[in-house]
């Protein structure tokens, strides 16, 4: 192909899609710096907050070019909510430490647990999501997804003392509702029963009530599906209907052992 023709084809493609890799990369940097500012004792809080504000305006102006250079209430609202955010994240860390016999200290939870990192980024992104900031909350949680293998949409609602153990492969959809003291293990999917564009803005993902435990690789689908409080969902279970409170749901595979 002639180089001039190729260049014109690429330019036209860029005009059609209009995305910015700078926005994606700077959103990653913003997310990591935000986490370090909140939890890393070696990060200078005063300096990092100044950098964060500047970086936030940069990514906001790329994501929302129509308000570029204008005052931004979103950042100040976020900062005002930080004490409440800290309270939620402390309860999450304590839930992990309390429920995992392998956790020897809270410091280990903050430093080494992918579940805590993913939950932290989700809760930070959720604040911006609630303030109506487009795209950036999704880029934040997608960065956490890349780092941890845990995919939590910022639109999901998650209550207090949330525990994700191991975490790889966990998927929590946009309209999922998770109440308090819920435990989820690796490979769990809280997804939609059907995927159709016309269901946008409809509740498509399940509701998990208080004190539920969901073991590895369980799949729970549907916006009308409710898992009642105090229930235990066993590994590899597949649910598309509601479960009463205090239930135990198990999956029994057919296993054949042949002696040789």
Protein backbone atom coordinates (compact mmCIF):
# COMPACT_ATOMS: atom_id res chain seq x y z
CA UNK A 1 0.00 0.00 0.00
CA UNK A 2 1.20 3.50 -0.83
CA UNK A 3 2.38 5.26 2.36
CA UNK A 4 0.35 8.40 1.65
CA UNK A 5 -2.81 6.30 1.26
CA UNK A 6 -2.02 4.49 4.51
CA UNK A 7 -1.46 7.75 6.39
CA UNK A 8 -4.77 9.15 5.13
CA UNK A 9 -6.58 5.95 6.13
CA UNK A 10 -5.12 6.13 9.65
CA UNK A 11 -6.00 9.83 9.97
CA UNK A 12 -9.58 9.13 8.95
CA UNK A 13 -9.83 6.32 11.49
CA UNK A 14 -8.56 8.62 14.24
CA UNK A 15 -11.10 11.27 13.27
CA UNK A 16 -13.90 8.72 13.52
CA UNK A 17 -13.04 7.27 16.93
CA UNK A 18 -11.29 10.21 18.66
CA UNK A 19 -9.68 8.49 21.63
CA UNK A 20 -6.69 9.61 23.70
CA UNK A 21 -4.05 7.21 24.96
CA UNK A 22 -2.85 10.09 27.16
CA UNK A 23 -6.16 10.00 29.02
CA UNK A 24 -5.78 6.27 29.66
CA UNK A 25 -2.16 6.46 30.80
CA UNK A 26 -2.66 9.54 32.96
CA UNK A 27 -5.75 7.96 34.53
CA UNK A 28 -3.58 5.00 35.54
CA UNK A 29 -1.01 7.38 37.06
CA UNK A 30 -3.76 9.29 38.85
CA UNK A 31 -5.23 6.08 40.28
CA UNK A 32 -1.93 4.75 41.59
CA UNK A 33 -0.91 8.11 43.06
CA UNK A 34 -4.30 8.40 44.74
CA UNK A 35 -3.85 4.97 46.36
CA UNK A 36 -0.30 5.84 47.47
CA UNK A 37 -1.42 9.20 48.84
CA UNK A 38 -4.04 7.51 51.01
CA UNK A 39 -2.04 4.50 52.21
CA UNK A 40 1.71 4.81 51.59
CA UNK A 41 3.59 6.31 54.56
CA UNK A 42 6.52 7.24 52.30
CA UNK A 43 4.37 9.39 49.99
CA UNK A 44 4.38 13.08 50.93
CA UNK A 45 0.69 13.83 51.37
CA UNK A 46 0.92 17.60 50.84
CA UNK A 47 2.94 17.35 47.63
CA UNK A 48 0.94 14.46 46.24
CA UNK A 49 -2.40 16.23 46.80
CA UNK A 50 -1.15 19.19 44.77
CA UNK A 51 0.00 16.82 42.01
CA UNK A 52 -3.27 14.90 42.15
CA UNK A 53 -5.36 18.05 41.71
CA UNK A 54 -3.29 19.11 38.72
CA UNK A 55 -3.43 15.62 37.23
CA UNK A 56 -7.17 15.43 37.81
CA UNK A 57 -7.75 18.66 35.91
CA UNK A 58 -5.63 17.32 33.07
CA UNK A 59 -7.59 14.10 32.66
CA UNK A 60 -10.91 15.84 33.24
CA UNK A 61 -10.15 18.33 30.47
CA UNK A 62 -9.31 15.48 28.07
CA UNK A 63 -12.41 13.48 29.04
CA UNK A 64 -14.70 16.52 29.03
CA UNK A 65 -13.30 18.97 26.45
CA UNK A 66 -16.49 21.03 26.57
CA UNK A 67 -15.60 22.22 30.10
CA UNK A 68 -11.83 22.50 29.62
CA UNK A 69 -10.34 25.23 31.78
CA UNK A 70 -13.53 25.82 33.75
CA UNK A 71 -13.75 25.53 37.57
CA UNK A 72 -14.24 21.99 38.78
CA UNK A 73 -16.50 21.25 41.70
CA UNK A 74 -15.97 17.51 41.29
CA UNK A 75 -12.47 17.52 42.79
CA UNK A 76 -13.44 19.52 45.87
CA UNK A 77 -16.49 17.31 46.42
CA UNK A 78 -14.28 14.24 46.22
CA UNK A 79 -11.81 15.63 48.77
CA UNK A 80 -14.68 16.49 51.12
CA UNK A 81 -15.78 12.84 51.04
CA UNK A 82 -12.33 11.37 51.81
CA UNK A 83 -12.91 10.85 55.59
CA UNK A 84 -16.02 8.78 54.86
CA UNK A 85 -14.12 6.89 52.15
CA UNK A 86 -11.35 6.08 54.64
CA UNK A 87 -13.93 4.72 57.06
CA UNK A 88 -15.35 2.37 54.42
CA UNK A 89 -11.93 1.15 53.32
CA UNK A 90 -10.81 0.52 56.89
CA UNK A 91 -13.86 -1.71 57.39
CA UNK A 92 -12.99 -3.57 54.18
CA UNK A 93 -9.41 -4.15 55.35
CA UNK A 94 -10.61 -5.31 58.77
CA UNK A 95 -13.08 -7.71 57.12
CA UNK A 96 -10.26 -9.27 55.09
CA UNK A 97 -8.02 -9.58 58.15
CA UNK A 98 -10.84 -10.99 60.26
CA UNK A 99 -11.96 -13.58 57.72
CA UNK A 100 -8.68 -14.81 56.23
CA UNK A 101 -6.56 -16.98 58.55
CA UNK A 102 -3.59 -16.41 56.23
CA UNK A 103 -3.59 -12.65 56.95
CA UNK A 104 -1.08 -11.92 59.70
CA UNK A 105 -1.56 -8.15 59.93
CA UNK A 106 -3.54 -5.23 58.54
CA UNK A 107 -0.34 -4.00 56.92
CA UNK A 108 -0.21 -7.22 54.92
CA UNK A 109 -3.80 -6.64 53.78
CA UNK A 110 -3.03 -3.10 52.61
CA UNK A 111 0.17 -4.11 50.83
CA UNK A 112 -0.36 -7.61 49.50
CA UNK A 113 -4.06 -8.29 48.96
CA UNK A 114 -5.33 -7.72 45.41
CA UNK A 115 -8.89 -7.79 46.74
CA UNK A 116 -8.23 -4.77 48.92
CA UNK A 117 -6.55 -2.89 46.08
CA UNK A 118 -9.46 -3.56 43.72
CA UNK A 119 -12.03 -2.57 46.36
CA UNK A 120 -10.09 0.61 47.16
CA UNK A 121 -9.92 1.72 43.54
CA UNK A 122 -13.60 0.85 43.08
CA UNK A 123 -14.61 2.99 46.08
CA UNK A 124 -12.49 5.93 44.86
CA UNK A 125 -13.89 5.62 41.35
CA UNK A 126 -17.43 5.29 42.72
CA UNK A 127 -17.18 8.76 44.28
CA UNK A 128 -16.38 10.29 40.89
CA UNK A 129 -19.08 8.14 39.27
CA UNK A 130 -21.69 9.49 41.69
CA UNK A 131 -20.53 13.02 40.93
CA UNK A 132 -21.31 12.44 37.26
CA UNK A 133 -17.75 12.40 35.92
CA UNK A 134 -17.74 10.40 32.66
CA UNK A 135 -15.21 7.79 31.54
CA UNK A 136 -12.55 8.42 34.21
CA UNK A 137 -14.18 6.18 36.88
CA UNK A 138 -14.29 3.35 34.34
CA UNK A 139 -10.64 3.89 33.42
CA UNK A 140 -9.74 3.76 37.13
CA UNK A 141 -11.47 0.44 37.78
CA UNK A 142 -10.16 -0.98 34.51
CA UNK A 143 -6.61 -0.19 35.69
CA UNK A 144 -7.33 -2.13 38.88
CA UNK A 145 -8.70 -4.93 36.70
CA UNK A 146 -5.42 -5.05 34.76
CA UNK A 147 -3.38 -5.12 37.97
CA UNK A 148 -5.48 -7.61 39.98
CA UNK A 149 -7.68 -9.57 37.58
CA UNK A 150 -10.74 -8.26 39.48
CA UNK A 151 -13.31 -6.40 37.37
CA UNK A 152 -15.69 -4.16 39.35
CA UNK A 153 -17.80 -1.67 37.44
CA UNK A 154 -17.89 1.72 39.23
CA UNK A 155 -21.67 1.76 38.88
CA UNK A 156 -22.11 -1.23 41.18
CA UNK A 157 -23.30 -0.64 44.75
CA UNK A 158 -21.18 -2.31 47.44
CA UNK A 159 -21.93 -2.03 51.16
CA UNK A 160 -19.61 -2.15 54.16
CA UNK A 161 -17.02 -4.76 55.15
CA UNK A 162 -16.62 -6.34 51.71
CA UNK A 163 -14.16 -9.22 51.39
CA UNK A 164 -12.72 -10.55 48.13
CA UNK A 165 -10.28 -13.41 48.70
CA UNK A 166 -7.68 -14.28 46.04
CA UNK A 167 -9.87 -12.47 43.53
CA UNK A 168 -8.58 -13.49 40.12
CA UNK A 169 -11.47 -13.61 37.65
CA UNK A 170 -14.07 -11.89 39.84
CA UNK A 171 -16.56 -9.88 37.75
CA UNK A 172 -19.11 -7.51 39.31
CA UNK A 173 -21.45 -5.84 36.82
CA UNK A 174 -22.66 -2.26 36.62
CA UNK A 175 -26.04 -2.69 38.33
CA UNK A 176 -25.05 -5.30 40.91
CA UNK A 177 -26.04 -4.55 44.51
CA UNK A 178 -23.96 -6.05 47.32
CA UNK A 179 -25.00 -5.41 50.93
CA UNK A 180 -22.88 -5.63 54.08
CA UNK A 181 -20.45 -8.31 55.25
CA UNK A 182 -20.36 -10.20 51.96
CA UNK A 183 -17.49 -12.58 51.11
CA UNK A 184 -16.58 -13.46 47.53
CA UNK A 185 -13.89 -15.83 46.30
CA UNK A 186 -11.99 -16.08 43.02
CA UNK A 187 -13.80 -16.55 39.74
CA UNK A 188 -17.21 -15.35 40.96
CA UNK A 189 -19.39 -13.60 38.36
CA UNK A 190 -22.28 -11.31 39.24
CA UNK A 191 -23.54 -10.79 35.72
CA UNK A 192 -26.45 -10.13 33.41
CA UNK A 193 -28.78 -12.92 32.32
CA UNK A 194 -29.14 -11.39 28.86
CA UNK A 195 -26.97 -8.78 27.17
CA UNK A 196 -28.97 -6.38 25.01
CA UNK A 197 -28.27 -2.72 24.35
CA UNK A 198 -31.90 -1.79 25.04
CA UNK A 199 -31.39 -2.94 28.65
CA UNK A 200 -29.07 -0.01 29.25
CA UNK A 201 -30.11 1.85 32.44
CA UNK A 202 -32.06 -1.23 33.61
CA UNK A 203 -31.06 -3.42 36.56
CA UNK A 204 -29.35 -6.37 34.88
CA UNK A 205 -27.18 -7.78 37.68
CA UNK A 206 -28.07 -9.58 40.92
CA UNK A 207 -28.59 -8.36 44.48
CA UNK A 208 -26.56 -9.98 47.25
CA UNK A 209 -27.95 -9.40 50.73
CA UNK A 210 -26.13 -9.18 54.09
CA UNK A 211 -23.71 -11.86 55.33
CA UNK A 212 -23.65 -13.93 52.13
CA UNK A 213 -20.62 -16.06 51.19
CA UNK A 214 -20.04 -16.94 47.53
CA UNK A 215 -17.35 -19.55 46.87
CA UNK A 216 -15.02 -19.91 43.89
CA UNK A 217 -16.31 -19.84 40.32
CA UNK A 218 -19.98 -19.43 41.22
CA UNK A 219 -22.02 -17.55 38.61
CA UNK A 220 -25.09 -15.54 39.59
CA UNK A 221 -27.03 -13.82 36.81
CA UNK A 222 -30.00 -11.50 36.38
CA UNK A 223 -31.34 -8.22 37.72
CA UNK A 224 -34.27 -9.95 39.44
CA UNK A 225 -32.03 -12.51 41.17
CA UNK A 226 -31.70 -11.92 44.92
CA UNK A 227 -29.47 -14.00 47.19
CA UNK A 228 -31.06 -13.87 50.64
CA UNK A 229 -29.09 -12.90 53.72
CA UNK A 230 -26.88 -15.42 55.54
CA UNK A 231 -26.83 -17.73 52.51
CA UNK A 232 -23.83 -19.73 51.28
CA UNK A 233 -23.36 -20.30 47.56
CA UNK A 234 -21.02 -23.20 46.87
CA UNK A 235 -18.25 -23.30 44.30
CA UNK A 236 -19.20 -23.67 40.60
CA UNK A 237 -22.90 -23.07 41.29
CA UNK A 238 -24.92 -21.48 38.46
CA UNK A 239 -27.89 -19.38 39.57
CA UNK A 240 -30.44 -17.46 37.52
CA UNK A 241 -33.17 -17.31 40.16
CA UNK A 242 -33.48 -15.98 43.69
CA UNK A 243 -32.47 -17.87 46.84
CA UNK A 244 -34.23 -17.50 50.20
CA UNK A 245 -32.32 -16.27 53.22
CA UNK A 246 -30.31 -18.83 55.22
CA UNK A 247 -29.97 -21.10 52.17
CA UNK A 248 -27.04 -23.33 51.23
CA UNK A 249 -26.62 -23.85 47.49
CA UNK A 250 -24.27 -26.58 46.26
CA UNK A 251 -23.16 -27.87 42.89
CA UNK A 252 -22.59 -31.63 42.64
CA UNK A 253 -20.54 -32.63 39.60
CA UNK A 254 -20.45 -36.23 38.39
CA UNK A 255 -16.95 -37.45 39.12
CA UNK A 256 -15.76 -40.87 37.97
CA UNK A 257 -12.59 -42.42 39.38
CA UNK A 258 -11.11 -45.33 37.49
CA UNK A 259 -8.45 -47.47 39.18
CA UNK A 260 -5.48 -48.43 37.03
